[in-house]
Amino acid sequence: MIPLKHLLHKVSTINNKKTWIWIGMGLIAVPALHVYYVQEILAAFIAFALLFVAVSTAVFTVFFLVRTIKRIIAWVTPKVRPVMHRGVDTVEGVIASPVWAQAGSDLIHFASRSQVRPSTGSDTNGELIPRR
């Protein structure tokens, strides 16, 4: 630690103008660095606060949507169940119909009986016709 009297004596012996400029700039730079540091900390705080608000808004939105959708599903399920069963029964009836089985066997029989070639005539509209 330098005694104050000794420091004042050294400062009074400085006659160079450039040295005083550097001392002044140093005295200005120290508070400026602290201000810059505080600005950076505040900017980081604001960025993290905005990020937190965005994420929490998304989480609460999903939470409330799920909560609302559960109520909607509980309300709709008894009303949709008969319609769903009717649709499934209709599809099962169409798939299990002997009409489909007959059409499939006719197609297999037709393909094995003769060769099929594409039509080039304009009278058949591009349909497949058997070769003779």
N, C-alpha and C. Protein backbone atom coordinates (compact mmCIF):
# COMPACT_ATOMS: atom_id res chain seq x y z
N MET A 1 0.85 -1.16 0.00
CA MET A 1 0.00 0.00 0.00
C MET A 1 0.90 1.23 0.00
N ILE A 2 0.60 2.15 -0.89
CA ILE A 2 1.39 3.37 -1.00
C ILE A 2 0.76 4.45 -0.11
N PRO A 3 1.58 5.12 0.71
CA PRO A 3 1.01 6.21 1.51
C PRO A 3 0.53 7.34 0.61
N LEU A 4 -0.50 8.03 1.06
CA LEU A 4 -1.12 9.09 0.27
C LEU A 4 -0.13 10.21 -0.05
N LYS A 5 0.74 10.55 0.91
CA LYS A 5 1.72 11.61 0.69
C LYS A 5 2.67 11.24 -0.45
N HIS A 6 3.09 9.99 -0.46
CA HIS A 6 4.01 9.52 -1.50
C HIS A 6 3.31 9.52 -2.86
N LEU A 7 2.02 9.12 -2.91
CA LEU A 7 1.25 9.10 -4.15
C LEU A 7 1.06 10.51 -4.70
N LEU A 8 0.73 11.45 -3.84
CA LEU A 8 0.56 12.83 -4.29
C LEU A 8 1.87 13.41 -4.82
N HIS A 9 2.97 13.04 -4.21
CA HIS A 9 4.28 13.51 -4.69
C HIS A 9 4.57 12.96 -6.08
N LYS A 10 4.25 11.65 -6.32
CA LYS A 10 4.49 11.06 -7.65
C LYS A 10 3.58 11.69 -8.70
N VAL A 11 2.33 11.98 -8.34
CA VAL A 11 1.39 12.56 -9.30
C VAL A 11 1.82 13.99 -9.64
N SER A 12 2.30 14.72 -8.69
CA SER A 12 2.70 16.11 -8.96
C SER A 12 3.94 16.19 -9.84
N THR A 13 4.71 15.14 -9.91
CA THR A 13 5.92 15.16 -10.74
C THR A 13 5.62 14.77 -12.19
N ILE A 14 4.38 14.36 -12.51
CA ILE A 14 4.02 13.98 -13.89
C ILE A 14 3.78 15.25 -14.68
N ASN A 15 4.57 15.43 -15.70
CA ASN A 15 4.47 16.62 -16.53
C ASN A 15 4.04 16.29 -17.96
N ASN A 16 4.05 15.04 -18.30
CA ASN A 16 3.74 14.62 -19.66
C ASN A 16 2.22 14.68 -19.89
N LYS A 17 1.80 15.33 -20.97
CA LYS A 17 0.37 15.47 -21.26
C LYS A 17 -0.27 14.14 -21.64
N LYS A 18 0.48 13.31 -22.35
CA LYS A 18 -0.06 12.01 -22.75
C LYS A 18 -0.34 11.14 -21.53
N THR A 19 0.47 11.23 -20.54
CA THR A 19 0.26 10.44 -19.33
C THR A 19 -1.03 10.85 -18.64
N TRP A 20 -1.31 12.15 -18.57
CA TRP A 20 -2.56 12.63 -17.96
C TRP A 20 -3.78 12.19 -18.77
N ILE A 21 -3.61 12.15 -20.09
CA ILE A 21 -4.72 11.68 -20.94
C ILE A 21 -5.02 10.21 -20.65
N TRP A 22 -3.96 9.40 -20.53
CA TRP A 22 -4.16 7.97 -20.23
C TRP A 22 -4.77 7.77 -18.84
N ILE A 23 -4.35 8.56 -17.91
CA ILE A 23 -4.93 8.45 -16.56
C ILE A 23 -6.42 8.83 -16.60
N GLY A 24 -6.75 9.90 -17.32
CA GLY A 24 -8.15 10.31 -17.45
C GLY A 24 -8.99 9.26 -18.15
N MET A 25 -8.44 8.69 -19.22
CA MET A 25 -9.17 7.64 -19.93
C MET A 25 -9.38 6.41 -19.05
N GLY A 26 -8.38 6.10 -18.24
CA GLY A 26 -8.51 4.96 -17.32
C GLY A 26 -9.58 5.21 -16.27
N LEU A 27 -9.62 6.46 -15.76
CA LEU A 27 -10.65 6.80 -14.78
C LEU A 27 -12.05 6.79 -15.38
N ILE A 28 -12.15 7.08 -16.67
CA ILE A 28 -13.45 7.04 -17.35
C ILE A 28 -13.81 5.60 -17.72
N ALA A 29 -12.81 4.79 -18.07
CA ALA A 29 -13.06 3.43 -18.54
C ALA A 29 -13.58 2.51 -17.44
N VAL A 30 -13.12 2.69 -16.22
CA VAL A 30 -13.54 1.79 -15.14
C VAL A 30 -15.06 1.87 -14.91
N PRO A 31 -15.65 3.05 -14.75
CA PRO A 31 -17.12 3.08 -14.60
C PRO A 31 -17.85 2.64 -15.87
N ALA A 32 -17.24 2.95 -17.04
CA ALA A 32 -17.87 2.53 -18.29
C ALA A 32 -17.94 1.02 -18.40
N LEU A 33 -16.89 0.33 -17.95
CA LEU A 33 -16.91 -1.13 -17.97
C LEU A 33 -17.99 -1.69 -17.04
N HIS A 34 -18.17 -1.05 -15.90
CA HIS A 34 -19.22 -1.49 -14.97
C HIS A 34 -20.60 -1.26 -15.58
N VAL A 35 -20.78 -0.13 -16.25
CA VAL A 35 -22.07 0.15 -16.90
C VAL A 35 -22.32 -0.89 -18.00
N TYR A 36 -21.30 -1.20 -18.80
CA TYR A 36 -21.42 -2.19 -19.86
C TYR A 36 -21.78 -3.56 -19.28
N TYR A 37 -21.14 -3.94 -18.19
CA TYR A 37 -21.40 -5.22 -17.54
C TYR A 37 -22.85 -5.28 -17.06
N VAL A 38 -23.32 -4.20 -16.46
CA VAL A 38 -24.71 -4.14 -15.99
C VAL A 38 -25.68 -4.22 -17.17
N GLN A 39 -25.36 -3.57 -18.27
CA GLN A 39 -26.21 -3.64 -19.45
C GLN A 39 -26.30 -5.07 -19.99
N GLU A 40 -25.17 -5.75 -20.02
CA GLU A 40 -25.15 -7.13 -20.50
C GLU A 40 -25.97 -8.04 -19.58
N ILE A 41 -25.85 -7.85 -18.29
CA ILE A 41 -26.62 -8.66 -17.34
C ILE A 41 -28.11 -8.40 -17.50
N LEU A 42 -28.48 -7.13 -17.66
CA LEU A 42 -29.90 -6.80 -17.86
C LEU A 42 -30.43 -7.38 -19.17
N ALA A 43 -29.63 -7.32 -20.22
CA ALA A 43 -30.06 -7.89 -21.51
C ALA A 43 -30.27 -9.40 -21.39
N ALA A 44 -29.36 -10.08 -20.71
CA ALA A 44 -29.51 -11.52 -20.51
C ALA A 44 -30.75 -11.83 -19.68
N PHE A 45 -30.99 -11.03 -18.65
CA PHE A 45 -32.18 -11.23 -17.81
C PHE A 45 -33.47 -11.06 -18.63
N ILE A 46 -33.51 -10.03 -19.47
CA ILE A 46 -34.69 -9.79 -20.30
C ILE A 46 -34.89 -10.95 -21.28
N ALA A 47 -33.80 -11.42 -21.89
CA ALA A 47 -33.92 -12.54 -22.85
C ALA A 47 -34.44 -13.80 -22.15
N PHE A 48 -33.91 -14.12 -20.98
CA PHE A 48 -34.37 -15.30 -20.27
C PHE A 48 -35.80 -15.13 -19.77
N ALA A 49 -36.18 -13.91 -19.39
CA ALA A 49 -37.55 -13.67 -18.95
C ALA A 49 -38.53 -13.89 -20.11
N LEU A 50 -38.18 -13.39 -21.29
CA LEU A 50 -39.05 -13.59 -22.46
C LEU A 50 -39.13 -15.07 -22.84
N LEU A 51 -38.01 -15.76 -22.77
CA LEU A 51 -38.00 -17.19 -23.06
C LEU A 51 -38.87 -17.95 -22.05
N PHE A 52 -38.79 -17.59 -20.79
CA PHE A 52 -39.60 -18.23 -19.76
C PHE A 52 -41.09 -17.98 -20.01
N VAL A 53 -41.44 -16.76 -20.38
CA VAL A 53 -42.84 -16.45 -20.66
C VAL A 53 -43.34 -17.26 -21.85
N ALA A 54 -42.53 -17.38 -22.90
CA ALA A 54 -42.94 -18.13 -24.08
C ALA A 54 -43.14 -19.61 -23.75
N VAL A 55 -42.21 -20.19 -23.04
CA VAL A 55 -42.32 -21.62 -22.71
C VAL A 55 -43.48 -21.88 -21.76
N SER A 56 -43.64 -21.02 -20.76
CA SER A 56 -44.75 -21.23 -19.83
C SER A 56 -46.09 -21.04 -20.51
N THR A 57 -46.19 -20.11 -21.46
CA THR A 57 -47.43 -19.94 -22.22
C THR A 57 -47.74 -21.19 -23.03
N ALA A 58 -46.74 -21.75 -23.68
CA ALA A 58 -46.94 -22.97 -24.45
C ALA A 58 -47.37 -24.13 -23.55
N VAL A 59 -46.75 -24.28 -22.40
CA VAL A 59 -47.09 -25.37 -21.49
C VAL A 59 -48.52 -25.21 -20.97
N PHE A 60 -48.89 -24.01 -20.57
CA PHE A 60 -50.25 -23.79 -20.07
C PHE A 60 -51.29 -23.98 -21.18
N THR A 61 -50.95 -23.59 -22.40
CA THR A 61 -51.87 -23.79 -23.51
C THR A 61 -52.13 -25.27 -23.74
N VAL A 62 -51.07 -26.06 -23.77
CA VAL A 62 -51.23 -27.51 -23.95
C VAL A 62 -52.00 -28.10 -22.78
N PHE A 63 -51.71 -27.68 -21.57
CA PHE A 63 -52.41 -28.18 -20.39
C PHE A 63 -53.90 -27.92 -20.47
N PHE A 64 -54.28 -26.68 -20.81
CA PHE A 64 -55.70 -26.35 -20.87
C PHE A 64 -56.39 -27.00 -22.07
N LEU A 65 -55.68 -27.16 -23.18
CA LEU A 65 -56.27 -27.88 -24.32
C LEU A 65 -56.55 -29.33 -23.97
N VAL A 66 -55.62 -29.99 -23.33
CA VAL A 66 -55.82 -31.39 -22.94
C VAL A 66 -56.98 -31.49 -21.96
N ARG A 67 -57.03 -30.57 -21.04
CA ARG A 67 -58.10 -30.59 -20.04
C ARG A 67 -59.47 -30.37 -20.71
N THR A 68 -59.53 -29.46 -21.68
CA THR A 68 -60.78 -29.20 -22.39
C THR A 68 -61.15 -30.36 -23.30
N ILE A 69 -60.17 -30.93 -23.98
CA ILE A 69 -60.44 -32.04 -24.90
C ILE A 69 -60.96 -33.25 -24.14
N LYS A 70 -60.47 -33.50 -22.94
CA LYS A 70 -60.98 -34.61 -22.14
C LYS A 70 -62.48 -34.45 -21.89
N ARG A 71 -62.91 -33.24 -21.57
CA ARG A 71 -64.34 -33.01 -21.34
C ARG A 71 -65.14 -33.19 -22.62
N ILE A 72 -64.60 -32.72 -23.74
CA ILE A 72 -65.29 -32.86 -25.02
C ILE A 72 -65.42 -34.33 -25.39
N ILE A 73 -64.35 -35.10 -25.21
CA ILE A 73 -64.39 -36.53 -25.53
C ILE A 73 -65.40 -37.25 -24.64
N ALA A 74 -65.43 -36.89 -23.36
CA ALA A 74 -66.39 -37.52 -22.45
C ALA A 74 -67.82 -37.18 -22.85
N TRP A 75 -68.05 -36.01 -23.41
CA TRP A 75 -69.39 -35.62 -23.82
C TRP A 75 -69.79 -36.27 -25.15
N VAL A 76 -68.82 -36.42 -26.07
CA VAL A 76 -69.12 -36.91 -27.42
C VAL A 76 -69.16 -38.43 -27.51
N THR A 77 -68.41 -39.12 -26.68
CA THR A 77 -68.28 -40.57 -26.80
C THR A 77 -69.61 -41.30 -26.81
N PRO A 78 -70.55 -41.05 -25.90
CA PRO A 78 -71.82 -41.77 -25.97
C PRO A 78 -72.62 -41.48 -27.24
N LYS A 79 -72.44 -40.30 -27.83
CA LYS A 79 -73.19 -39.94 -29.03
C LYS A 79 -72.56 -40.53 -30.29
N VAL A 80 -71.26 -40.71 -30.28
CA VAL A 80 -70.57 -41.21 -31.47
C VAL A 80 -70.55 -42.73 -31.54
N ARG A 81 -70.58 -43.38 -30.40
CA ARG A 81 -70.47 -44.84 -30.36
C ARG A 81 -71.49 -45.54 -31.27
N PRO A 82 -72.80 -45.20 -31.25
CA PRO A 82 -73.73 -45.89 -32.16
C PRO A 82 -73.41 -45.65 -33.63
N VAL A 83 -73.00 -44.43 -33.98
CA VAL A 83 -72.66 -44.14 -35.37
C VAL A 83 -71.44 -44.94 -35.79
N MET A 84 -70.46 -45.02 -34.90
CA MET A 84 -69.24 -45.78 -35.20
C MET A 84 -69.56 -47.26 -35.41
N HIS A 85 -70.39 -47.83 -34.53
CA HIS A 85 -70.74 -49.24 -34.67
C HIS A 85 -71.51 -49.49 -35.96
N ARG A 86 -72.39 -48.56 -36.34
CA ARG A 86 -73.14 -48.71 -37.58
C ARG A 86 -72.20 -48.69 -38.78
N GLY A 87 -71.20 -47.79 -38.76
CA GLY A 87 -70.23 -47.72 -39.86
C GLY A 87 -69.37 -48.96 -39.96
N VAL A 88 -68.93 -49.46 -38.82
CA VAL A 88 -68.12 -50.69 -38.81
C VAL A 88 -68.93 -51.86 -39.32
N ASP A 89 -70.18 -51.97 -38.90
CA ASP A 89 -71.03 -53.07 -39.37
C ASP A 89 -71.26 -52.99 -40.88
N THR A 90 -71.42 -51.78 -41.40
CA THR A 90 -71.62 -51.61 -42.83
C THR A 90 -70.37 -52.03 -43.60
N VAL A 91 -69.20 -51.60 -43.14
CA VAL A 91 -67.95 -51.97 -43.82
C VAL A 91 -67.72 -53.47 -43.75
N GLU A 92 -67.99 -54.08 -42.61
CA GLU A 92 -67.84 -55.54 -42.49
C GLU A 92 -68.80 -56.26 -43.44
N GLY A 93 -70.01 -55.73 -43.57
CA GLY A 93 -70.98 -56.35 -44.48
C GLY A 93 -70.55 -56.26 -45.92
N VAL A 94 -69.95 -55.12 -46.31
CA VAL A 94 -69.50 -54.96 -47.69
C VAL A 94 -68.31 -55.87 -47.97
N ILE A 95 -67.39 -55.95 -47.03
CA ILE A 95 -66.20 -56.79 -47.24
C ILE A 95 -66.57 -58.27 -47.28
N ALA A 96 -67.48 -58.68 -46.41
CA ALA A 96 -67.84 -60.10 -46.33
C ALA A 96 -68.89 -60.49 -47.36
N SER A 97 -69.31 -59.59 -48.20
CA SER A 97 -70.37 -59.86 -49.17
C SER A 97 -69.89 -60.86 -50.21
N PRO A 98 -70.75 -61.81 -50.58
CA PRO A 98 -70.36 -62.77 -51.62
C PRO A 98 -70.23 -62.12 -53.00
N VAL A 99 -70.75 -60.92 -53.19
CA VAL A 99 -70.61 -60.23 -54.47
C VAL A 99 -69.14 -59.99 -54.77
N TRP A 100 -68.37 -59.60 -53.77
CA TRP A 100 -66.94 -59.37 -53.95
C TRP A 100 -66.23 -60.68 -54.29
N ALA A 101 -66.61 -61.72 -53.62
CA ALA A 101 -65.98 -63.02 -53.89
C ALA A 101 -66.28 -63.47 -55.31
N GLN A 102 -67.50 -63.28 -55.80
CA GLN A 102 -67.87 -63.67 -57.16
C GLN A 102 -67.10 -62.85 -58.18
N ALA A 103 -66.96 -61.53 -57.95
CA ALA A 103 -66.24 -60.67 -58.89
C ALA A 103 -64.77 -61.06 -58.96
N GLY A 104 -64.18 -61.40 -57.83
CA GLY A 104 -62.78 -61.82 -57.81
C GLY A 104 -62.56 -63.12 -58.56
N SER A 105 -63.47 -64.08 -58.39
CA SER A 105 -63.30 -65.36 -59.10
C SER A 105 -63.51 -65.19 -60.59
N ASP A 106 -64.44 -64.32 -61.00
CA ASP A 106 -64.64 -64.06 -62.43
C ASP A 106 -63.40 -63.44 -63.06
N LEU A 107 -62.76 -62.53 -62.35
CA LEU A 107 -61.57 -61.87 -62.87
C LEU A 107 -60.42 -62.87 -63.02
N ILE A 108 -60.25 -63.74 -62.05
CA ILE A 108 -59.19 -64.76 -62.12
C ILE A 108 -59.47 -65.72 -63.27
N HIS A 109 -60.73 -66.11 -63.43
CA HIS A 109 -61.09 -67.02 -64.51
C HIS A 109 -60.86 -66.36 -65.87
N PHE A 110 -61.21 -65.09 -66.01
CA PHE A 110 -61.05 -64.36 -67.26
C PHE A 110 -59.58 -64.21 -67.61
N ALA A 111 -58.72 -63.91 -66.64
CA ALA A 111 -57.30 -63.70 -66.90
C ALA A 111 -56.61 -65.01 -67.25
N SER A 112 -57.03 -66.11 -66.66
CA SER A 112 -56.37 -67.38 -66.96
C SER A 112 -56.85 -67.96 -68.28
N ARG A 113 -58.03 -67.60 -68.75
CA ARG A 113 -58.60 -68.17 -69.96
C ARG A 113 -57.99 -67.59 -71.23
N SER A 114 -57.65 -66.30 -71.21
CA SER A 114 -57.14 -65.68 -72.43
C SER A 114 -56.10 -64.61 -72.07
N GLN A 115 -55.35 -64.23 -73.08
CA GLN A 115 -54.40 -63.15 -72.88
C GLN A 115 -55.13 -61.82 -73.00
N VAL A 116 -54.65 -60.85 -72.23
CA VAL A 116 -55.29 -59.54 -72.26
C VAL A 116 -54.32 -58.57 -72.94
N ARG A 117 -54.84 -57.79 -73.91
CA ARG A 117 -54.01 -56.80 -74.59
C ARG A 117 -54.73 -55.45 -74.54
N PRO A 118 -53.96 -54.36 -74.53
CA PRO A 118 -54.61 -53.05 -74.53
C PRO A 118 -55.24 -52.77 -75.88
N SER A 119 -56.34 -52.09 -75.86
CA SER A 119 -57.06 -51.77 -77.09
C SER A 119 -56.43 -50.54 -77.73
N THR A 120 -56.38 -50.55 -79.07
CA THR A 120 -55.88 -49.37 -79.78
C THR A 120 -57.01 -48.72 -80.56
N GLY A 121 -58.13 -49.34 -80.62
CA GLY A 121 -59.25 -48.78 -81.36
C GLY A 121 -59.97 -47.72 -80.56
N SER A 122 -60.65 -46.83 -81.26
CA SER A 122 -61.35 -45.75 -80.59
C SER A 122 -62.74 -46.16 -80.13
N ASP A 123 -63.20 -47.33 -80.54
CA ASP A 123 -64.55 -47.75 -80.20
C ASP A 123 -64.66 -48.35 -78.80
N THR A 124 -63.55 -48.75 -78.17
CA THR A 124 -63.62 -49.38 -76.85
C THR A 124 -63.21 -48.45 -75.72
N ASN A 125 -62.83 -47.23 -76.03
CA ASN A 125 -62.46 -46.23 -75.02
C ASN A 125 -61.31 -46.67 -74.14
N GLY A 126 -60.34 -47.37 -74.64
CA GLY A 126 -59.15 -47.72 -73.87
C GLY A 126 -59.34 -48.89 -72.93
N GLU A 127 -60.42 -49.68 -73.08
CA GLU A 127 -60.64 -50.81 -72.19
C GLU A 127 -59.78 -52.00 -72.62
N LEU A 128 -59.59 -52.94 -71.73
CA LEU A 128 -58.84 -54.15 -72.06
C LEU A 128 -59.80 -55.14 -72.71
N ILE A 129 -59.37 -55.72 -73.83
CA ILE A 129 -60.21 -56.71 -74.49
C ILE A 129 -59.41 -58.00 -74.67
N PRO A 130 -60.06 -59.15 -74.63
CA PRO A 130 -59.34 -60.43 -74.80
C PRO A 130 -58.88 -60.62 -76.24
N ARG A 131 -57.76 -61.32 -76.41
CA ARG A 131 -57.26 -61.68 -77.73
C ARG A 131 -57.96 -62.93 -78.20
N ARG A 132 -58.14 -63.04 -79.48
CA ARG A 132 -58.80 -64.25 -80.02
C ARG A 132 -57.86 -65.05 -80.84
